[in-house]
Amino acid sequence: MAVRRVVPNVRSEAVPESREFYGLLGFEEVMNLGWIVTLASPSSPTAQVSFIAGDKTASVTPDLSVEVDDVDAAYAVMRESGAEIVHPLQDEEWGVRRFFVRDPNGRVVNVLGHR
């Protein structure tokens, strides 16, 4: 299993203002689902930050997203380790398969793969 990117998810009620602020640093919007907006560096596309008002299908908002090349393998490893799964593995309508797991610091990690 390989990590493709890691994206901090900033819980925000000021998404337009955040988009404008980070735009001053050169970030551009690459995804906007209404409830989450992701900005990326045009020169280094995996350098990203997301601003999230609340998750669409989960009862918790993740602190961090980790994209992997095999989300099913990541899910199996986490379950076998005894880690706390806080949102089940599922396919989402916006084209990702994902689950949430709690890390040792209490942070919620969105582990995902694109379909």
PDB file of N, CA and C in Angstrom:
ATOM      1  N   MET A   1       0.852  -1.175   0.000  1.00  0.00           N
ATOM      2  CA  MET A   1       0.000   0.000   0.000  1.00  0.00           C
ATOM      3  C   MET A   1       0.897   1.237   0.000  1.00  0.00           C
ATOM      4  N   ALA A   2       0.564   2.192  -0.855  1.00  0.00           N
ATOM      5  CA  ALA A   2       1.352   3.421  -0.972  1.00  0.00           C
ATOM      6  C   ALA A   2       0.480   4.637  -0.677  1.00  0.00           C
ATOM      7  N   VAL A   3       1.070   5.620  -0.015  1.00  0.00           N
ATOM      8  CA  VAL A   3       0.379   6.890   0.254  1.00  0.00           C
ATOM      9  C   VAL A   3       0.559   7.781  -0.969  1.00  0.00           C
ATOM     10  N   ARG A   4      -0.544   8.324  -1.449  1.00  0.00           N
ATOM     11  CA  ARG A   4      -0.491   9.216  -2.614  1.00  0.00           C
ATOM     12  C   ARG A   4      -0.444  10.684  -2.224  1.00  0.00           C
ATOM     13  N   ARG A   5      -1.124  11.046  -1.132  1.00  0.00           N
ATOM     14  CA  ARG A   5      -1.108  12.428  -0.651  1.00  0.00           C
ATOM     15  C   ARG A   5      -1.712  12.480   0.741  1.00  0.00           C
ATOM     16  N   VAL A   6      -1.386  13.541   1.457  1.00  0.00           N
ATOM     17  CA  VAL A   6      -1.938  13.802   2.781  1.00  0.00           C
ATOM     18  C   VAL A   6      -2.447  15.239   2.753  1.00  0.00           C
ATOM     19  N   VAL A   7      -3.694  15.428   3.194  1.00  0.00           N
ATOM     20  CA  VAL A   7      -4.325  16.744   3.132  1.00  0.00           C
ATOM     21  C   VAL A   7      -4.905  17.098   4.499  1.00  0.00           C
ATOM     22  N   PRO A   8      -4.480  18.215   5.095  1.00  0.00           N
ATOM     23  CA  PRO A   8      -5.136  18.654   6.330  1.00  0.00           C
ATOM     24  C   PRO A   8      -6.549  19.151   6.006  1.00  0.00           C
ATOM     25  N   ASN A   9      -7.493  18.807   6.863  1.00  0.00           N
ATOM     26  CA  ASN A   9      -8.877  19.271   6.742  1.00  0.00           C
ATOM     27  C   ASN A   9      -9.120  20.281   7.854  1.00  0.00           C
ATOM     28  N   VAL A  10      -9.337  21.527   7.473  1.00  0.00           N
ATOM     29  CA  VAL A  10      -9.562  22.597   8.436  1.00  0.00           C
ATOM     30  C   VAL A  10     -11.057  22.826   8.550  1.00  0.00           C
ATOM     31  N   ARG A  11     -11.597  22.556   9.734  1.00  0.00           N
ATOM     32  CA  ARG A  11     -13.026  22.839   9.946  1.00  0.00           C
ATOM     33  C   ARG A  11     -13.205  24.351   9.887  1.00  0.00           C
ATOM     34  N   SER A  12     -14.176  24.801   9.056  1.00  0.00           N
ATOM     35  CA  SER A  12     -14.284  26.228   8.808  1.00  0.00           C
ATOM     36  C   SER A  12     -15.715  26.665   8.538  1.00  0.00           C
ATOM     37  N   GLU A  13     -16.054  27.799   9.095  1.00  0.00           N
ATOM     38  CA  GLU A  13     -17.299  28.483   8.768  1.00  0.00           C
ATOM     39  C   GLU A  13     -16.990  29.683   7.875  1.00  0.00           C
ATOM     40  N   ALA A  14     -15.735  29.813   7.459  1.00  0.00           N
ATOM     41  CA  ALA A  14     -15.278  30.944   6.633  1.00  0.00           C
ATOM     42  C   ALA A  14     -14.591  30.424   5.377  1.00  0.00           C
ATOM     43  N   VAL A  15     -15.268  29.558   4.645  1.00  0.00           N
ATOM     44  CA  VAL A  15     -14.657  28.938   3.468  1.00  0.00           C
ATOM     45  C   VAL A  15     -14.305  29.963   2.387  1.00  0.00           C
ATOM     46  N   PRO A  16     -15.213  30.868   1.996  1.00  0.00           N
ATOM     47  CA  PRO A  16     -14.832  31.848   0.963  1.00  0.00           C
ATOM     48  C   PRO A  16     -13.633  32.707   1.375  1.00  0.00           C
ATOM     49  N   GLU A  17     -13.606  33.112   2.628  1.00  0.00           N
ATOM     50  CA  GLU A  17     -12.493  33.922   3.125  1.00  0.00           C
ATOM     51  C   GLU A  17     -11.202  33.116   3.141  1.00  0.00           C
ATOM     52  N   SER A  18     -11.297  31.841   3.475  1.00  0.00           N
ATOM     53  CA  SER A  18     -10.116  30.969   3.477  1.00  0.00           C
ATOM     54  C   SER A  18      -9.599  30.776   2.063  1.00  0.00           C
ATOM     55  N   ARG A  19     -10.507  30.573   1.109  1.00  0.00           N
ATOM     56  CA  ARG A  19     -10.113  30.425  -0.298  1.00  0.00           C
ATOM     57  C   ARG A  19      -9.348  31.674  -0.752  1.00  0.00           C
ATOM     58  N   GLU A  20      -9.863  32.836  -0.408  1.00  0.00           N
ATOM     59  CA  GLU A  20      -9.217  34.093  -0.794  1.00  0.00           C
ATOM     60  C   GLU A  20      -7.845  34.240  -0.120  1.00  0.00           C
ATOM     61  N   PHE A  21      -7.780  33.967   1.186  1.00  0.00           N
ATOM     62  CA  PHE A  21      -6.537  34.097   1.939  1.00  0.00           C
ATOM     63  C   PHE A  21      -5.452  33.183   1.367  1.00  0.00           C
ATOM     64  N   TYR A  22      -5.765  31.894   1.198  1.00  0.00           N
ATOM     65  CA  TYR A  22      -4.771  30.949   0.695  1.00  0.00           C
ATOM     66  C   TYR A  22      -4.468  31.174  -0.779  1.00  0.00           C
ATOM     67  N   GLY A  23      -5.386  31.811  -1.493  1.00  0.00           N
ATOM     68  CA  GLY A  23      -5.119  32.222  -2.871  1.00  0.00           C
ATOM     69  C   GLY A  23      -3.975  33.213  -2.944  1.00  0.00           C
ATOM     70  N   LEU A  24      -3.848  34.035  -1.901  1.00  0.00           N
ATOM     71  CA  LEU A  24      -2.740  34.990  -1.845  1.00  0.00           C
ATOM     72  C   LEU A  24      -1.387  34.279  -1.798  1.00  0.00           C
ATOM     73  N   LEU A  25      -1.376  33.044  -1.319  1.00  0.00           N
ATOM     74  CA  LEU A  25      -0.156  32.241  -1.259  1.00  0.00           C
ATOM     75  C   LEU A  25       0.035  31.392  -2.516  1.00  0.00           C
ATOM     76  N   GLY A  26      -0.900  31.504  -3.452  1.00  0.00           N
ATOM     77  CA  GLY A  26      -0.769  30.777  -4.709  1.00  0.00           C
ATOM     78  C   GLY A  26      -1.631  29.540  -4.844  1.00  0.00           C
ATOM     79  N   PHE A  27      -2.425  29.212  -3.837  1.00  0.00           N
ATOM     80  CA  PHE A  27      -3.307  28.052  -3.931  1.00  0.00           C
ATOM     81  C   PHE A  27      -4.479  28.354  -4.868  1.00  0.00           C
ATOM     82  N   GLU A  28      -4.939  27.312  -5.574  1.00  0.00           N
ATOM     83  CA  GLU A  28      -6.100  27.417  -6.449  1.00  0.00           C
ATOM     84  C   GLU A  28      -7.108  26.327  -6.088  1.00  0.00           C
ATOM     85  N   GLU A  29      -8.392  26.631  -6.253  1.00  0.00           N
ATOM     86  CA  GLU A  29      -9.446  25.662  -5.965  1.00  0.00           C
ATOM     87  C   GLU A  29      -9.386  24.519  -6.974  1.00  0.00           C
ATOM     88  N   VAL A  30      -9.344  23.287  -6.455  1.00  0.00           N
ATOM     89  CA  VAL A  30      -9.339  22.106  -7.317  1.00  0.00           C
ATOM     90  C   VAL A  30     -10.566  21.221  -7.096  1.00  0.00           C
ATOM     91  N   MET A  31     -11.296  21.454  -6.003  1.00  0.00           N
ATOM     92  CA  MET A  31     -12.520  20.702  -5.733  1.00  0.00           C
ATOM     93  C   MET A  31     -13.421  21.558  -4.868  1.00  0.00           C
ATOM     94  N   ASN A  32     -14.714  21.541  -5.191  1.00  0.00           N
ATOM     95  CA  ASN A  32     -15.702  22.243  -4.381  1.00  0.00           C
ATOM     96  C   ASN A  32     -16.988  21.441  -4.422  1.00  0.00           C
ATOM     97  N   LEU A  33     -17.291  20.744  -3.318  1.00  0.00           N
ATOM     98  CA  LEU A  33     -18.514  19.956  -3.219  1.00  0.00           C
ATOM     99  C   LEU A  33     -19.589  20.684  -2.415  1.00  0.00           C
ATOM    100  N   GLY A  34     -19.356  21.943  -2.125  1.00  0.00           N
ATOM    101  CA  GLY A  34     -20.310  22.711  -1.327  1.00  0.00           C
ATOM    102  C   GLY A  34     -19.997  22.649   0.152  1.00  0.00           C
ATOM    103  N   TRP A  35     -19.808  21.477   0.691  1.00  0.00           N
ATOM    104  CA  TRP A  35     -19.516  21.293   2.114  1.00  0.00           C
ATOM    105  C   TRP A  35     -18.013  21.136   2.371  1.00  0.00           C
ATOM    106  N   ILE A  36     -17.237  20.919   1.313  1.00  0.00           N
ATOM    107  CA  ILE A  36     -15.778  20.839   1.403  1.00  0.00           C
ATOM    108  C   ILE A  36     -15.170  21.476   0.152  1.00  0.00           C
ATOM    109  N   VAL A  37     -14.121  22.266   0.366  1.00  0.00           N
ATOM    110  CA  VAL A  37     -13.379  22.905  -0.725  1.00  0.00           C
ATOM    111  C   VAL A  37     -11.911  22.537  -0.548  1.00  0.00           C
ATOM    112  N   THR A  38     -11.282  22.087  -1.631  1.00  0.00           N
ATOM    113  CA  THR A  38      -9.864  21.753  -1.589  1.00  0.00           C
ATOM    114  C   THR A  38      -9.092  22.708  -2.491  1.00  0.00           C
ATOM    115  N   LEU A  39      -8.006  23.234  -1.947  1.00  0.00           N
ATOM    116  CA  LEU A  39      -7.109  24.119  -2.676  1.00  0.00           C
ATOM    117  C   LEU A  39      -5.781  23.398  -2.868  1.00  0.00           C
ATOM    118  N   ALA A  40      -5.129  23.655  -4.020  1.00  0.00           N
ATOM    119  CA  ALA A  40      -3.845  23.010  -4.305  1.00  0.00           C
ATOM    120  C   ALA A  40      -2.884  24.011  -4.910  1.00  0.00           C
ATOM    121  N   SER A  41      -1.620  23.703  -4.789  1.00  0.00           N
ATOM    122  CA  SER A  41      -0.569  24.484  -5.423  1.00  0.00           C
ATOM    123  C   SER A  41      -0.473  24.068  -6.886  1.00  0.00           C
ATOM    124  N   PRO A  42      -0.553  25.006  -7.816  1.00  0.00           N
ATOM    125  CA  PRO A  42      -0.419  24.648  -9.226  1.00  0.00           C
ATOM    126  C   PRO A  42       0.956  24.047  -9.566  1.00  0.00           C
ATOM    127  N   SER A  43       1.996  24.468  -8.863  1.00  0.00           N
ATOM    128  CA  SER A  43       3.333  23.969  -9.145  1.00  0.00           C
ATOM    129  C   SER A  43       3.639  22.636  -8.465  1.00  0.00           C
ATOM    130  N   SER A  44       2.857  22.287  -7.443  1.00  0.00           N
ATOM    131  CA  SER A  44       3.033  21.029  -6.717  1.00  0.00           C
ATOM    132  C   SER A  44       1.641  20.523  -6.327  1.00  0.00           C
ATOM    133  N   PRO A  45       0.921  19.885  -7.253  1.00  0.00           N
ATOM    134  CA  PRO A  45      -0.496  19.571  -7.074  1.00  0.00           C
ATOM    135  C   PRO A  45      -0.865  18.730  -5.846  1.00  0.00           C
ATOM    136  N   THR A  46       0.090  17.997  -5.274  1.00  0.00           N
ATOM    137  CA  THR A  46      -0.247  17.225  -4.076  1.00  0.00           C
ATOM    138  C   THR A  46      -0.118  18.053  -2.800  1.00  0.00           C
ATOM    139  N   ALA A  47       0.361  19.294  -2.919  1.00  0.00           N
ATOM    140  CA  ALA A  47       0.386  20.218  -1.776  1.00  0.00           C
ATOM    141  C   ALA A  47      -1.005  20.840  -1.696  1.00  0.00           C
ATOM    142  N   GLN A  48      -1.800  20.353  -0.756  1.00  0.00           N
ATOM    143  CA  GLN A  48      -3.215  20.728  -0.689  1.00  0.00           C
ATOM    144  C   GLN A  48      -3.650  21.023   0.737  1.00  0.00           C
ATOM    145  N   VAL A  49      -4.757  21.756   0.827  1.00  0.00           N
ATOM    146  CA  VAL A  49      -5.447  21.991   2.092  1.00  0.00           C
ATOM    147  C   VAL A  49      -6.942  22.028   1.789  1.00  0.00           C
ATOM    148  N   SER A  50      -7.734  21.434   2.688  1.00  0.00           N
ATOM    149  CA  SER A  50      -9.189  21.436   2.515  1.00  0.00           C
ATOM    150  C   SER A  50      -9.841  22.202   3.655  1.00  0.00           C
ATOM    151  N   PHE A  51     -10.939  22.868   3.327  1.00  0.00           N
ATOM    152  CA  PHE A  51     -11.756  23.575   4.312  1.00  0.00           C
ATOM    153  C   PHE A  51     -13.116  22.915   4.290  1.00  0.00           C
ATOM    154  N   ILE A  52     -13.573  22.502   5.464  1.00  0.00           N
ATOM    155  CA  ILE A  52     -14.762  21.669   5.543  1.00  0.00           C
ATOM    156  C   ILE A  52     -15.736  22.225   6.585  1.00  0.00           C
ATOM    157  N   ALA A  53     -16.972  22.395   6.166  1.00  0.00           N
ATOM    158  CA  ALA A  53     -18.010  22.883   7.078  1.00  0.00           C
ATOM    159  C   ALA A  53     -18.562  21.742   7.926  1.00  0.00           C
ATOM    160  N   GLY A  54     -18.559  20.542   7.401  1.00  0.00           N
ATOM    161  CA  GLY A  54     -19.057  19.344   8.064  1.00  0.00           C
ATOM    162  C   GLY A  54     -19.122  18.250   7.028  1.00  0.00           C
ATOM    163  N   ASP A  55     -18.953  17.012   7.415  1.00  0.00           N
ATOM    164  CA  ASP A  55     -18.931  15.928   6.441  1.00  0.00           C
ATOM    165  C   ASP A  55     -20.337  15.584   5.962  1.00  0.00           C
ATOM    166  N   LYS A  56     -20.478  15.282   4.688  1.00  0.00           N
ATOM    167  CA  LYS A  56     -21.793  15.011   4.102  1.00  0.00           C
ATOM    168  C   LYS A  56     -22.407  13.699   4.583  1.00  0.00           C
ATOM    169  N   THR A  57     -21.605  12.643   4.747  1.00  0.00           N
ATOM    170  CA  THR A  57     -22.181  11.335   5.073  1.00  0.00           C
ATOM    171  C   THR A  57     -21.742  10.771   6.420  1.00  0.00           C
ATOM    172  N   ALA A  58     -20.870  11.470   7.116  1.00  0.00           N
ATOM    173  CA  ALA A  58     -20.365  10.957   8.395  1.00  0.00           C
ATOM    174  C   ALA A  58     -20.799  11.870   9.535  1.00  0.00           C
ATOM    175  N   SER A  59     -20.896  11.298  10.714  1.00  0.00           N
ATOM    176  CA  SER A  59     -21.315  12.077  11.890  1.00  0.00           C
ATOM    177  C   SER A  59     -20.160  12.853  12.518  1.00  0.00           C
ATOM    178  N   VAL A  60     -18.941  12.587  12.068  1.00  0.00           N
ATOM    179  CA  VAL A  60     -17.760  13.305  12.551  1.00  0.00           C
ATOM    180  C   VAL A  60     -17.063  13.958  11.364  1.00  0.00           C
ATOM    181  N   THR A  61     -16.291  14.999  11.641  1.00  0.00           N
ATOM    182  CA  THR A  61     -15.530  15.681  10.602  1.00  0.00           C
ATOM    183  C   THR A  61     -14.069  15.264  10.728  1.00  0.00           C
ATOM    184  N   PRO A  62     -13.476  14.750   9.658  1.00  0.00           N
ATOM    185  CA  PRO A  62     -12.088  14.305   9.755  1.00  0.00           C
ATOM    186  C   PRO A  62     -11.114  15.470   9.861  1.00  0.00           C
ATOM    187  N   ASP A  63     -10.036  15.228  10.582  1.00  0.00           N
ATOM    188  CA  ASP A  63      -8.981  16.230  10.754  1.00  0.00           C
ATOM    189  C   ASP A  63      -7.957  16.177   9.628  1.00  0.00           C
ATOM    190  N   LEU A  64      -7.857  15.030   8.984  1.00  0.00           N
ATOM    191  CA  LEU A  64      -6.802  14.776   8.023  1.00  0.00           C
ATOM    192  C   LEU A  64      -7.320  13.771   7.005  1.00  0.00           C
ATOM    193  N   SER A  65      -6.923  13.915   5.747  1.00  0.00           N
ATOM    194  CA  SER A  65      -7.242  12.919   4.719  1.00  0.00           C
ATOM    195  C   SER A  65      -5.944  12.318   4.214  1.00  0.00           C
ATOM    196  N   VAL A  66      -5.933  10.998   4.096  1.00  0.00           N
ATOM    197  CA  VAL A  66      -4.784  10.280   3.558  1.00  0.00           C
ATOM    198  C   VAL A  66      -5.284   9.448   2.382  1.00  0.00           C
ATOM    199  N   GLU A  67      -4.819   9.793   1.186  1.00  0.00           N
ATOM    200  CA  GLU A  67      -5.177   9.018  -0.003  1.00  0.00           C
ATOM    201  C   GLU A  67      -4.154   7.912  -0.181  1.00  0.00           C
ATOM    202  N   VAL A  68      -4.652   6.680  -0.332  1.00  0.00           N
ATOM    203  CA  VAL A  68      -3.790   5.518  -0.530  1.00  0.00           C
ATOM    204  C   VAL A  68      -4.162   4.841  -1.843  1.00  0.00           C
ATOM    205  N   ASP A  69      -3.270   3.993  -2.326  1.00  0.00           N
ATOM    206  CA  ASP A  69      -3.543   3.308  -3.581  1.00  0.00           C
ATOM    207  C   ASP A  69      -4.444   2.092  -3.406  1.00  0.00           C
ATOM    208  N   ASP A  70      -4.619   1.598  -2.172  1.00  0.00           N
ATOM    209  CA  ASP A  70      -5.475   0.435  -1.918  1.00  0.00           C
ATOM    210  C   ASP A  70      -6.200   0.629  -0.583  1.00  0.00           C
ATOM    211  N   VAL A  71      -7.360   1.275  -0.653  1.00  0.00           N
ATOM    212  CA  VAL A  71      -8.103   1.592   0.570  1.00  0.00           C
ATOM    213  C   VAL A  71      -8.617   0.337   1.268  1.00  0.00           C
ATOM    214  N   ASP A  72      -8.925  -0.708   0.517  1.00  0.00           N
ATOM    215  CA  ASP A  72      -9.390  -1.949   1.136  1.00  0.00           C
ATOM    216  C   ASP A  72      -8.281  -2.594   1.964  1.00  0.00           C
ATOM    217  N   ALA A  73      -7.056  -2.553   1.460  1.00  0.00           N
ATOM    218  CA  ALA A  73      -5.917  -3.086   2.224  1.00  0.00           C
ATOM    219  C   ALA A  73      -5.679  -2.245   3.475  1.00  0.00           C
ATOM    220  N   ALA A  74      -5.794  -0.918   3.344  1.00  0.00           N
ATOM    221  CA  ALA A  74      -5.616  -0.038   4.513  1.00  0.00           C
ATOM    222  C   ALA A  74      -6.674  -0.330   5.568  1.00  0.00           C
ATOM    223  N   TYR A  75      -7.906  -0.537   5.130  1.00  0.00           N
ATOM    224  CA  TYR A  75      -8.996  -0.849   6.055  1.00  0.00           C
ATOM    225  C   TYR A  75      -8.709  -2.163   6.794  1.00  0.00           C
ATOM    226  N   ALA A  76      -8.266  -3.174   6.055  1.00  0.00           N
ATOM    227  CA  ALA A  76      -7.963  -4.471   6.672  1.00  0.00           C
ATOM    228  C   ALA A  76      -6.850  -4.332   7.706  1.00  0.00           C
ATOM    229  N   VAL A  77      -5.804  -3.577   7.375  1.00  0.00           N
ATOM    230  CA  VAL A  77      -4.685  -3.374   8.313  1.00  0.00           C
ATOM    231  C   VAL A  77      -5.170  -2.672   9.577  1.00  0.00           C
ATOM    232  N   MET A  78      -5.983  -1.644   9.424  1.00  0.00           N
ATOM    233  CA  MET A  78      -6.476  -0.909  10.591  1.00  0.00           C
ATOM    234  C   MET A  78      -7.384  -1.772  11.454  1.00  0.00           C
ATOM    235  N   ARG A  79      -8.263  -2.529  10.840  1.00  0.00           N
ATOM    236  CA  ARG A  79      -9.141  -3.417  11.621  1.00  0.00           C
ATOM    237  C   ARG A  79      -8.331  -4.465  12.371  1.00  0.00           C
ATOM    238  N   GLU A  80      -7.364  -5.058  11.687  1.00  0.00           N
ATOM    239  CA  GLU A  80      -6.527  -6.084  12.322  1.00  0.00           C
ATOM    240  C   GLU A  80      -5.720  -5.520  13.481  1.00  0.00           C
ATOM    241  N   SER A  81      -5.360  -4.242  13.396  1.00  0.00           N
ATOM    242  CA  SER A  81      -4.567  -3.614  14.460  1.00  0.00           C
ATOM    243  C   SER A  81      -5.410  -3.283  15.685  1.00  0.00           C
ATOM    244  N   GLY A  82      -6.742  -3.304  15.524  1.00  0.00           N
ATOM    245  CA  GLY A  82      -7.622  -2.937  16.617  1.00  0.00           C
ATOM    246  C   GLY A  82      -7.927  -1.454  16.688  1.00  0.00           C
ATOM    247  N   ALA A  83      -7.509  -0.692  15.670  1.00  0.00           N
ATOM    248  CA  ALA A  83      -7.779   0.749  15.650  1.00  0.00           C
ATOM    249  C   ALA A  83      -9.288   0.996  15.616  1.00  0.00           C
ATOM    250  N   GLU A  84      -9.693   2.127  16.169  1.00  0.00           N
ATOM    251  CA  GLU A  84     -11.112   2.465  16.226  1.00  0.00           C
ATOM    252  C   GLU A  84     -11.576   3.016  14.874  1.00  0.00           C
ATOM    253  N   ILE A  85     -12.450   2.275  14.220  1.00  0.00           N
ATOM    254  CA  ILE A  85     -13.063   2.728  12.975  1.00  0.00           C
ATOM    255  C   ILE A  85     -14.264   3.577  13.373  1.00  0.00           C
ATOM    256  N   VAL A  86     -14.266   4.846  12.974  1.00  0.00           N
ATOM    257  CA  VAL A  86     -15.357   5.752  13.395  1.00  0.00           C
ATOM    258  C   VAL A  86     -16.341   6.060  12.271  1.00  0.00           C
ATOM    259  N   HIS A  87     -16.030   5.606  11.052  1.00  0.00           N
ATOM    260  CA  HIS A  87     -16.950   5.705   9.910  1.00  0.00           C
ATOM    261  C   HIS A  87     -16.627   4.519   9.018  1.00  0.00           C
ATOM    262  N   PRO A  88     -17.621   3.727   8.650  1.00  0.00           N
ATOM    263  CA  PRO A  88     -17.346   2.477   7.944  1.00  0.00           C
ATOM    264  C   PRO A  88     -16.823   2.680   6.525  1.00  0.00           C
ATOM    265  N   LEU A  89     -16.164   1.655   6.026  1.00  0.00           N
ATOM    266  CA  LEU A  89     -15.698   1.639   4.648  1.00  0.00           C
ATOM    267  C   LEU A  89     -16.906   1.681   3.723  1.00  0.00           C
ATOM    268  N   GLN A  90     -16.920   2.652   2.825  1.00  0.00           N
ATOM    269  CA  GLN A  90     -18.042   2.760   1.892  1.00  0.00           C
ATOM    270  C   GLN A  90     -17.654   3.565   0.665  1.00  0.00           C
ATOM    271  N   ASP A  91     -18.410   3.326  -0.404  1.00  0.00           N
ATOM    272  CA  ASP A  91     -18.255   4.090  -1.642  1.00  0.00           C
ATOM    273  C   ASP A  91     -19.118   5.335  -1.529  1.00  0.00           C
ATOM    274  N   GLU A  92     -18.546   6.481  -1.901  1.00  0.00           N
ATOM    275  CA  GLU A  92     -19.266   7.756  -1.832  1.00  0.00           C
ATOM    276  C   GLU A  92     -19.636   8.217  -3.246  1.00  0.00           C
ATOM    277  N   GLU A  93     -20.707   8.973  -3.329  1.00  0.00           N
ATOM    278  CA  GLU A  93     -21.229   9.415  -4.626  1.00  0.00           C
ATOM    279  C   GLU A  93     -20.273  10.325  -5.384  1.00  0.00           C
ATOM    280  N   TRP A  94     -19.292  10.923  -4.716  1.00  0.00           N
ATOM    281  CA  TRP A  94     -18.351  11.824  -5.385  1.00  0.00           C
ATOM    282  C   TRP A  94     -17.091  11.098  -5.863  1.00  0.00           C
ATOM    283  N   GLY A  95     -17.136   9.762  -5.912  1.00  0.00           N
ATOM    284  CA  GLY A  95     -16.078   9.006  -6.570  1.00  0.00           C
ATOM    285  C   GLY A  95     -14.949   8.483  -5.711  1.00  0.00           C
ATOM    286  N   VAL A  96     -15.134   8.450  -4.394  1.00  0.00           N
ATOM    287  CA  VAL A  96     -14.099   7.883  -3.532  1.00  0.00           C
ATOM    288  C   VAL A  96     -14.667   6.717  -2.731  1.00  0.00           C
ATOM    289  N   ARG A  97     -13.774   5.840  -2.317  1.00  0.00           N
ATOM    290  CA  ARG A  97     -14.088   4.777  -1.346  1.00  0.00           C
ATOM    291  C   ARG A  97     -13.290   5.163  -0.124  1.00  0.00           C
ATOM    292  N   ARG A  98     -13.931   5.174   1.059  1.00  0.00           N
ATOM    293  CA  ARG A  98     -13.236   5.696   2.229  1.00  0.00           C
ATOM    294  C   ARG A  98     -13.762   5.110   3.529  1.00  0.00           C
ATOM    295  N   PHE A  99     -12.972   5.327   4.582  1.00  0.00           N
ATOM    296  CA  PHE A  99     -13.371   5.046   5.960  1.00  0.00           C
ATOM    297  C   PHE A  99     -12.650   6.043   6.841  1.00  0.00           C
ATOM    298  N   PHE A 100     -13.125   6.212   8.076  1.00  0.00           N
ATOM    299  CA  PHE A 100     -12.465   7.076   9.049  1.00  0.00           C
ATOM    300  C   PHE A 100     -11.954   6.205  10.183  1.00  0.00           C
ATOM    301  N   VAL A 101     -10.765   6.544  10.664  1.00  0.00           N
ATOM    302  CA  VAL A 101     -10.153   5.840  11.783  1.00  0.00           C
ATOM    303  C   VAL A 101      -9.599   6.882  12.750  1.00  0.00           C
ATOM    304  N   ARG A 102      -9.639   6.563  14.057  1.00  0.00           N
ATOM    305  CA  ARG A 102      -9.096   7.484  15.060  1.00  0.00           C
ATOM    306  C   ARG A 102      -7.636   7.135  15.320  1.00  0.00           C
ATOM    307  N   ASP A 103      -6.763   8.147  15.261  1.00  0.00           N
ATOM    308  CA  ASP A 103      -5.337   7.904  15.502  1.00  0.00           C
ATOM    309  C   ASP A 103      -5.047   7.952  17.007  1.00  0.00           C
ATOM    310  N   PRO A 104      -3.820   7.631  17.445  1.00  0.00           N
ATOM    311  CA  PRO A 104      -3.501   7.615  18.872  1.00  0.00           C
ATOM    312  C   PRO A 104      -3.643   8.973  19.562  1.00  0.00           C
ATOM    313  N   ASN A 105      -3.695  10.062  18.788  1.00  0.00           N
ATOM    314  CA  ASN A 105      -3.857  11.403  19.353  1.00  0.00           C
ATOM    315  C   ASN A 105      -5.313  11.834  19.444  1.00  0.00           C
ATOM    316  N   GLY A 106      -6.214  10.947  19.041  1.00  0.00           N
ATOM    317  CA  GLY A 106      -7.631  11.265  19.061  1.00  0.00           C
ATOM    318  C   GLY A 106      -8.124  11.940  17.792  1.00  0.00           C
ATOM    319  N   ARG A 107      -7.237  12.135  16.819  1.00  0.00           N
ATOM    320  CA  ARG A 107      -7.606  12.774  15.546  1.00  0.00           C
ATOM    321  C   ARG A 107      -8.316  11.766  14.642  1.00  0.00           C
ATOM    322  N   VAL A 108      -9.275  12.268  13.880  1.00  0.00           N
ATOM    323  CA  VAL A 108     -10.009  11.422  12.946  1.00  0.00           C
ATOM    324  C   VAL A 108      -9.355  11.545  11.569  1.00  0.00           C
ATOM    325  N   VAL A 109      -8.969  10.391  11.012  1.00  0.00           N
ATOM    326  CA  VAL A 109      -8.289  10.344   9.720  1.00  0.00           C
ATOM    327  C   VAL A 109      -9.219   9.728   8.689  1.00  0.00           C
ATOM    328  N   ASN A 110      -9.446  10.460   7.607  1.00  0.00           N
ATOM    329  CA  ASN A 110     -10.212   9.998   6.459  1.00  0.00           C
ATOM    330  C   ASN A 110      -9.233   9.280   5.537  1.00  0.00           C
ATOM    331  N   VAL A 111      -9.361   7.962   5.432  1.00  0.00           N
ATOM    332  CA  VAL A 111      -8.487   7.186   4.559  1.00  0.00           C
ATOM    333  C   VAL A 111      -9.295   6.871   3.307  1.00  0.00           C
ATOM    334  N   LEU A 112      -8.764   7.261   2.150  1.00  0.00           N
ATOM    335  CA  LEU A 112      -9.557   7.167   0.927  1.00  0.00           C
ATOM    336  C   LEU A 112      -8.743   6.711  -0.266  1.00  0.00           C
ATOM    337  N   GLY A 113      -9.482   6.230  -1.248  1.00  0.00           N
ATOM    338  CA  GLY A 113      -8.921   5.916  -2.551  1.00  0.00           C
ATOM    339  C   GLY A 113      -9.937   6.349  -3.589  1.00  0.00           C
ATOM    340  N   HIS A 114      -9.452   6.814  -4.721  1.00  0.00           N
ATOM    341  CA  HIS A 114     -10.357   7.196  -5.809  1.00  0.00           C
ATOM    342  C   HIS A 114     -10.726   5.962  -6.607  1.00  0.00           C
ATOM    343  N   ARG A 115     -12.011   5.902  -6.986  1.00  0.00           N
ATOM    344  CA  ARG A 115     -12.479   4.768  -7.777  1.00  0.00           C
ATOM    345  C   ARG A 115     -12.212   5.004  -9.241  1.00  0.00           C
TER     346      ARG A 115
END
